[in-house]
Amino acid sequence: MKNPRATTGMPTLTAFESSPDRGQGLARDMRVRWALEEVGQAYGVRLLSFQDMKAPTHLARHPFGQIPTYEDGDVVLFETGAIVLHIAERHPGLMPVAGADRSRAIAWLFAALNTIEPPILELVTARLLEADRPWSAERLPLVQERIHDRLRPLADRLGDAAWLDGDFSVGDLMMASVLLRLRASGLLDAHPNLSRYVARAEARPAYRRAFDAQLAVFRAASVR
């Protein structure tokens, strides 16, 4: 149901027609779906094939030919950080009211994308694209340790708190989304409070709705 306090119409986002993550909630449209569910904003989805993503019409929305994109009237955005921040700033529910608190929530969003995610994506590359290289066995532990170098201070900062800075915010949404990429690696097991943090995020009704919607697209594509 659309939030009556929302200031925009019903936005449209683009997503994979058949997601390479096999419906595990890792494709980046999940972050946008989750944000829209948290604020109660209805949305539409335009599904794209890999060929569609390189077509001129999509490249006009996203110069790098990726997903997701976000369209709402004359607003056309790409990059999940920018899209999620746009949603949080225009709808109540993801951004603290106080100026200093709002700024810290935004800082955590950027920390997730700029500090925590890069070494995690490096691990994905090392495991999926470089596993057959002769130096892979030596490099992988170094990549894993770089991840722990980021997770340790994050775990220390979180401590026993439920969320990073007061109530759940856009910063938590992005941080949990990034940490979910470590699920298959087992690296979060060394940081139990971060594992619990991610589990709390996954248990949120808005997350479950977004996950189920993304999974339904993958299942529909699988039976064609």
Protein backbone atom coordinates (compact mmCIF):
# COMPACT_ATOMS: atom_id res chain seq x y z
CA MET A 1 0.00 0.00 0.00
CA LYS A 2 1.39 3.39 -0.94
CA ASN A 3 2.52 5.58 1.95
CA PRO A 4 0.11 8.55 2.05
CA ARG A 5 2.97 10.79 3.16
CA ALA A 6 5.15 9.94 0.17
CA THR A 7 6.00 12.88 -2.03
CA THR A 8 6.39 11.04 -5.34
CA GLY A 9 4.34 8.80 -7.61
CA MET A 10 4.88 5.07 -8.10
CA PRO A 11 8.51 4.53 -9.15
CA THR A 12 9.77 1.83 -11.50
CA LEU A 13 12.98 -0.09 -11.02
CA THR A 14 14.79 -2.43 -13.37
CA ALA A 15 15.84 -5.94 -12.38
CA PHE A 16 17.24 -9.11 -13.91
CA GLU A 17 14.78 -11.15 -15.94
CA SER A 18 16.70 -14.21 -14.74
CA SER A 19 18.97 -13.34 -11.85
CA PRO A 20 22.47 -14.89 -11.75
CA ASP A 21 22.22 -15.14 -7.95
CA ARG A 22 19.45 -17.75 -8.35
CA GLY A 23 17.00 -15.85 -6.17
CA GLN A 24 19.25 -15.57 -3.11
CA GLY A 25 18.57 -11.87 -2.61
CA LEU A 26 22.06 -10.76 -3.67
CA ALA A 27 21.18 -8.99 -6.93
CA ARG A 28 21.34 -5.27 -6.24
CA ASP A 29 17.72 -4.53 -7.03
CA MET A 30 17.07 -6.24 -3.68
CA ARG A 31 18.43 -3.19 -1.86
CA VAL A 32 16.02 -0.89 -3.65
CA ARG A 33 13.07 -3.25 -3.21
CA TRP A 34 13.84 -3.45 0.51
CA ALA A 35 14.06 0.32 0.90
CA LEU A 36 10.73 0.81 -0.88
CA GLU A 37 9.11 -1.87 1.29
CA GLU A 38 10.46 -0.25 4.47
CA VAL A 39 8.86 3.09 3.62
CA GLY A 40 5.62 1.59 2.30
CA GLN A 41 6.06 2.86 -1.24
CA ALA A 42 4.44 0.85 -4.04
CA TYR A 43 6.65 0.29 -7.07
CA GLY A 44 6.76 -1.31 -10.48
CA VAL A 45 9.49 -3.52 -11.92
CA ARG A 46 10.77 -3.68 -15.50
CA LEU A 47 12.56 -7.00 -16.07
CA LEU A 48 15.55 -7.03 -18.40
CA SER A 49 17.56 -9.71 -20.14
CA PHE A 50 21.33 -9.35 -20.37
CA GLN A 51 20.83 -8.26 -23.97
CA ASP A 52 18.29 -5.63 -22.89
CA MET A 53 20.80 -4.22 -20.43
CA LYS A 54 23.14 -3.25 -23.28
CA ALA A 55 20.41 -1.69 -25.43
CA PRO A 56 20.51 2.09 -26.01
CA THR A 57 17.28 2.64 -24.07
CA HIS A 58 18.75 1.12 -20.92
CA LEU A 59 22.19 2.67 -21.40
CA ALA A 60 20.41 6.03 -21.38
CA ARG A 61 19.30 5.22 -17.82
CA HIS A 62 22.48 3.45 -16.71
CA PRO A 63 25.67 4.31 -18.62
CA PHE A 64 27.35 1.07 -17.48
CA GLY A 65 24.49 -1.18 -18.58
CA GLN A 66 23.74 -2.65 -15.16
CA ILE A 67 20.77 -2.95 -12.83
CA PRO A 68 18.98 -1.54 -10.99
CA THR A 69 17.80 1.80 -12.25
CA TYR A 70 15.07 3.89 -10.67
CA GLU A 71 12.58 6.08 -12.49
CA ASP A 72 10.00 8.32 -10.86
CA GLY A 73 8.65 11.10 -13.06
CA ASP A 74 11.61 13.11 -14.29
CA VAL A 75 13.96 11.47 -11.76
CA VAL A 76 16.11 8.74 -13.30
CA LEU A 77 18.84 7.28 -11.10
CA PHE A 78 21.41 4.50 -11.14
CA GLU A 79 23.71 3.12 -8.39
CA THR A 80 22.00 1.55 -5.39
CA GLY A 81 23.56 3.95 -2.89
CA ALA A 82 22.15 6.96 -4.70
CA ILE A 83 18.76 5.30 -5.20
CA VAL A 84 18.36 4.14 -1.62
CA LEU A 85 19.47 7.52 -0.26
CA HIS A 86 16.96 9.24 -2.56
CA ILE A 87 14.17 7.01 -1.21
CA ALA A 88 15.21 7.53 2.42
CA GLU A 89 15.32 11.32 2.05
CA ARG A 90 11.85 11.53 0.50
CA HIS A 91 9.88 9.06 2.60
CA PRO A 92 9.65 8.68 6.38
CA GLY A 93 10.91 5.45 7.87
CA LEU A 94 14.60 5.11 7.01
CA MET A 95 16.14 8.42 8.02
CA PRO A 96 16.37 9.95 11.50
CA VAL A 97 14.72 13.34 11.92
CA ALA A 98 17.56 15.11 13.73
CA GLY A 99 20.27 16.60 11.53
CA ALA A 100 23.26 14.98 13.27
CA ASP A 101 21.54 11.59 13.41
CA ARG A 102 20.61 11.86 9.73
CA SER A 103 24.20 12.61 8.83
CA ARG A 104 25.45 9.57 10.74
CA ALA A 105 22.91 7.32 9.01
CA ILE A 106 24.21 8.57 5.66
CA ALA A 107 27.79 8.02 6.84
CA TRP A 108 26.98 4.37 7.61
CA LEU A 109 25.45 3.95 4.15
CA PHE A 110 28.69 5.17 2.59
CA ALA A 111 30.77 3.05 4.98
CA ALA A 112 28.90 -0.04 3.80
CA LEU A 113 29.59 0.72 0.14
CA ASN A 114 33.06 2.26 0.35
CA THR A 115 34.72 0.48 3.28
CA ILE A 116 33.03 -2.87 3.83
CA GLU A 117 31.86 -3.96 0.37
CA PRO A 118 35.08 -3.61 -1.72
CA PRO A 119 37.03 -6.44 -0.03
CA ILE A 120 33.89 -8.62 -0.04
CA LEU A 121 33.55 -8.15 -3.79
CA GLU A 122 37.26 -8.97 -4.10
CA LEU A 123 36.52 -12.30 -2.42
CA VAL A 124 33.75 -13.00 -4.93
CA THR A 125 36.21 -12.31 -7.75
CA ALA A 126 38.90 -14.50 -6.18
CA ARG A 127 36.54 -17.45 -5.74
CA LEU A 128 34.56 -17.28 -8.96
CA LEU A 129 36.92 -15.80 -11.54
CA GLU A 130 40.43 -16.51 -10.27
CA ALA A 131 40.12 -19.96 -8.69
CA ASP A 132 42.02 -21.60 -11.56
CA ARG A 133 44.98 -19.22 -11.42
CA PRO A 134 48.24 -20.67 -10.10
CA TRP A 135 48.49 -17.99 -7.41
CA SER A 136 44.89 -18.30 -6.24
CA ALA A 137 45.61 -20.51 -3.21
CA GLU A 138 48.10 -17.96 -1.90
CA ARG A 139 45.95 -14.91 -2.62
CA LEU A 140 42.68 -16.13 -1.11
CA PRO A 141 43.83 -16.01 2.56
CA LEU A 142 45.07 -12.46 2.02
CA VAL A 143 41.67 -11.40 0.68
CA GLN A 144 39.91 -13.09 3.60
CA GLU A 145 42.14 -11.33 6.10
CA ARG A 146 41.40 -7.96 4.50
CA ILE A 147 37.72 -8.67 5.06
CA HIS A 148 38.31 -9.49 8.72
CA ASP A 149 40.32 -6.26 9.03
CA ARG A 150 37.08 -4.45 8.14
CA LEU A 151 34.71 -6.67 10.09
CA ARG A 152 36.57 -6.47 13.40
CA PRO A 153 36.12 -2.70 13.93
CA LEU A 154 32.55 -2.95 12.64
CA ALA A 155 31.80 -5.66 15.17
CA ASP A 156 33.45 -3.61 17.91
CA ARG A 157 31.34 -0.59 16.98
CA LEU A 158 28.09 -2.57 16.95
CA GLY A 159 28.80 -4.34 20.25
CA ASP A 160 25.56 -5.57 21.79
CA ALA A 161 23.38 -2.98 20.09
CA ALA A 162 20.59 -4.01 17.75
CA TRP A 163 21.53 -1.48 15.07
CA LEU A 164 24.54 0.67 14.24
CA ASP A 165 23.33 4.02 15.52
CA GLY A 166 20.01 4.00 17.37
CA ASP A 167 16.98 2.84 15.41
CA PHE A 168 17.15 0.91 12.15
CA SER A 169 18.09 3.28 9.34
CA VAL A 170 19.23 3.49 5.75
CA GLY A 171 22.74 2.79 7.04
CA ASP A 172 21.67 -0.54 8.52
CA LEU A 173 19.78 -1.48 5.37
CA MET A 174 22.86 -1.02 3.22
CA MET A 175 25.27 -2.54 5.72
CA ALA A 176 23.18 -5.68 6.16
CA SER A 177 22.77 -5.96 2.38
CA VAL A 178 26.54 -5.89 1.96
CA LEU A 179 27.23 -8.36 4.78
CA LEU A 180 24.73 -10.82 3.31
CA ARG A 181 27.23 -11.41 0.51
CA LEU A 182 29.41 -13.22 3.05
CA ARG A 183 26.78 -15.84 3.89
CA ALA A 184 28.26 -18.60 1.74
CA SER A 185 31.84 -17.91 2.83
CA GLY A 186 31.35 -18.54 6.56
CA LEU A 187 33.51 -15.51 7.39
CA LEU A 188 30.78 -13.89 9.47
CA ASP A 189 30.94 -16.82 11.90
CA ALA A 190 34.06 -15.27 13.42
CA HIS A 191 31.97 -12.22 14.37
CA PRO A 192 28.85 -13.55 16.14
CA ASN A 193 27.31 -10.14 16.81
CA LEU A 194 27.48 -9.33 13.10
CA SER A 195 25.81 -12.65 12.30
CA ARG A 196 23.01 -11.77 14.69
CA TYR A 197 22.81 -8.29 13.19
CA VAL A 198 22.29 -9.72 9.71
CA ALA A 199 19.71 -12.18 11.02
CA ARG A 200 17.75 -9.32 12.62
CA ALA A 201 17.77 -7.47 9.31
CA GLU A 202 16.60 -10.54 7.41
CA ALA A 203 13.75 -11.00 9.89
CA ARG A 204 12.26 -7.59 9.16
CA PRO A 205 8.90 -7.93 7.37
CA ALA A 206 9.96 -5.43 4.71
CA TYR A 207 13.05 -7.49 3.92
CA ARG A 208 10.98 -10.68 3.64
CA ARG A 209 8.54 -9.01 1.25
CA ALA A 210 11.38 -7.75 -0.94
CA PHE A 211 13.13 -11.12 -0.89
CA ASP A 212 9.97 -13.01 -1.80
CA ALA A 213 9.27 -10.62 -4.68
CA GLN A 214 12.75 -11.07 -6.10
CA LEU A 215 12.64 -14.85 -5.62
CA ALA A 216 9.29 -15.04 -7.43
CA VAL A 217 10.89 -13.47 -10.53
CA PHE A 218 13.66 -16.08 -10.54
CA ARG A 219 11.23 -18.96 -10.08
CA ALA A 220 9.01 -17.69 -12.87
CA ALA A 221 12.02 -17.46 -15.21
CA SER A 222 13.14 -20.97 -14.23
CA VAL A 223 9.93 -22.67 -15.36
CA ARG A 224 9.73 -21.04 -18.79
